[in-house]
Protein backbone atom coordinates (compact mmCIF):
# COMPACT_ATOMS: atom_id res chain seq x y z
CA MET A 1 19.47 -53.09 21.36
CA GLY A 2 15.99 -53.07 19.86
CA TYR A 3 14.81 -50.67 22.58
CA LYS A 4 17.47 -48.06 21.75
CA LYS A 5 16.66 -48.37 18.08
CA GLN A 6 12.98 -47.76 18.81
CA VAL A 7 13.75 -44.71 20.96
CA PHE A 8 15.95 -43.10 18.31
CA ARG A 9 13.37 -43.87 15.62
CA SER A 10 10.66 -42.21 17.71
CA LEU A 11 12.83 -39.17 18.38
CA ALA A 12 13.62 -38.80 14.69
CA MET A 13 9.95 -39.20 13.81
CA VAL A 14 8.87 -36.48 16.24
CA THR A 15 11.47 -34.07 14.90
CA GLN A 16 10.68 -34.83 11.29
CA LEU A 17 6.97 -34.70 11.97
CA GLY A 18 7.20 -31.24 13.51
CA ILE A 19 9.21 -29.89 10.60
CA SER A 20 6.92 -31.54 8.05
CA VAL A 21 3.77 -30.13 9.61
CA MET A 22 5.10 -26.60 10.10
CA THR A 23 6.63 -26.19 6.64
CA PRO A 24 3.35 -26.18 4.64
CA ILE A 25 1.76 -23.88 7.22
CA PHE A 26 4.56 -21.31 6.97
CA LEU A 27 4.66 -21.56 3.18
CA CYS A 28 0.92 -21.00 2.91
CA ILE A 29 1.02 -18.11 5.38
CA SER A 30 3.80 -16.45 3.37
CA ALA A 31 1.88 -17.05 0.12
CA GLY A 32 -1.26 -15.58 1.70
CA TYR A 33 0.68 -12.57 2.95
CA TYR A 34 2.19 -12.07 -0.52
CA VAL A 35 -1.22 -12.26 -2.19
CA ASP A 36 -2.77 -9.91 0.39
CA THR A 37 -0.07 -7.24 0.05
CA HIS A 38 0.21 -7.29 -3.74
CA PHE A 39 -3.44 -7.68 -4.71
CA GLY A 40 -5.19 -6.16 -1.71
CA THR A 41 -7.34 -9.22 -0.96
CA LYS A 42 -8.19 -10.85 2.38
CA THR A 43 -7.15 -14.44 1.67
CA MET A 44 -4.67 -15.01 4.51
CA LEU A 45 -7.19 -17.09 6.50
CA PHE A 46 -7.93 -19.27 3.47
CA PHE A 47 -4.23 -19.92 2.88
CA LEU A 48 -3.73 -20.63 6.59
CA LEU A 49 -6.51 -23.21 6.47
CA ILE A 50 -4.99 -24.85 3.38
CA GLY A 51 -1.58 -24.95 5.11
CA VAL A 52 -3.00 -26.56 8.26
CA LEU A 53 -4.84 -29.20 6.22
CA ALA A 54 -1.75 -29.95 4.11
CA GLY A 55 0.48 -30.16 7.20
CA GLY A 56 -2.00 -32.44 8.97
CA ARG A 57 -2.25 -34.75 5.97
CA LEU A 58 1.51 -34.89 5.59
CA GLY A 59 2.01 -35.56 9.30
CA TYR A 60 -0.59 -38.35 9.27
CA ARG A 61 0.97 -40.06 6.27
CA MET A 62 4.46 -39.80 7.73
CA ALA A 63 3.41 -41.19 11.10
CA ARG A 64 1.54 -44.05 9.45
CA MET A 65 4.51 -44.97 7.25
CA THR A 66 6.91 -44.85 10.19
CA PHE A 67 4.59 -47.06 12.23
CA LEU A 68 4.28 -49.59 9.39
CA VAL A 69 8.06 -49.73 8.89
CA GLY A 70 8.53 -50.29 12.62
CA GLU A 71 6.01 -53.12 12.62
CA LYS A 72 7.66 -54.78 9.63
CA GLU A 73 11.06 -54.66 11.35
CA GLU A 74 9.59 -56.07 14.57
CA GLN A 75 7.95 -58.88 12.59
CA LYS A 76 11.28 -59.72 10.94
CA GLU A 77 13.02 -59.76 14.34
CA ARG A 78 10.33 -62.05 15.77
CA GLU A 79 10.62 -64.45 12.81
CA GLU A 80 14.41 -64.44 13.16
CA SER A 81 14.26 -65.24 16.86
CA LEU A 82 11.75 -68.03 16.20
CA ARG A 83 14.08 -69.51 13.57
CA GLU A 84 17.01 -69.35 16.00
CA ARG A 85 14.97 -71.04 18.73
CA ALA A 86 13.82 -73.75 16.34
CA ALA A 87 17.38 -74.37 15.14
CA SER A 88 18.78 -74.58 18.66
CA SER A 89 15.94 -76.69 20.03
CA ARG A 90 16.26 -79.28 17.27
CA TYR A 91 19.34 -80.74 18.87
CA GLU A 92 18.42 -80.20 22.52
CA ALA A 93 14.96 -81.75 22.54
CA VAL A 94 15.90 -85.42 22.31
CA SER A 95 13.28 -87.71 23.74
CA LYS A 96 14.72 -90.36 26.03
CA PRO A 97 12.73 -93.07 27.75
CA LYS A 98 12.24 -92.56 31.44
CA ARG A 99 14.53 -94.74 33.55
CA PRO A 100 13.00 -96.59 36.45
CA SER A 101 13.70 -95.08 39.83
CA ARG A 102 16.43 -96.77 41.85
CA VAL A 103 15.08 -95.33 45.08
CA ARG A 104 11.67 -96.95 44.75
CA ALA A 105 13.19 -100.23 43.64
CA ALA A 106 15.46 -100.27 46.71
CA ALA A 107 12.61 -99.29 49.02
CA GLY A 108 10.36 -101.91 47.47
CA ASP A 109 12.98 -104.64 47.88
CA GLY A 110 13.64 -103.72 51.50
CA HIS A 111 9.95 -103.59 52.32
CA ALA A 112 9.29 -106.93 50.70
CA LYS A 113 11.98 -108.68 52.81
CA GLU A 114 10.38 -107.73 56.11
């Protein structure tokens, strides 16, 4: 179950990451185009650079947060499984003294009679 959850989380992250990176780039390109057409300047490249930097920063932050959330959930699952193991092993791990072997005692008695 944890594997499927991880796969869907990764798929959602890739989709969201792509949208989050491309949105600032397209917004900055459209802003640069608007400024170029209305004011007659050549600032499209500058706006494109700003959009790429903003998209990269946003993508990095999103990937880092998703990774941290995944690690926290994995840590909780590990702690939960350790608690379950400890609870179940409390009653199963009863120390009993070792009983003497009946086979060796019988073999020892038979050997001593000869």
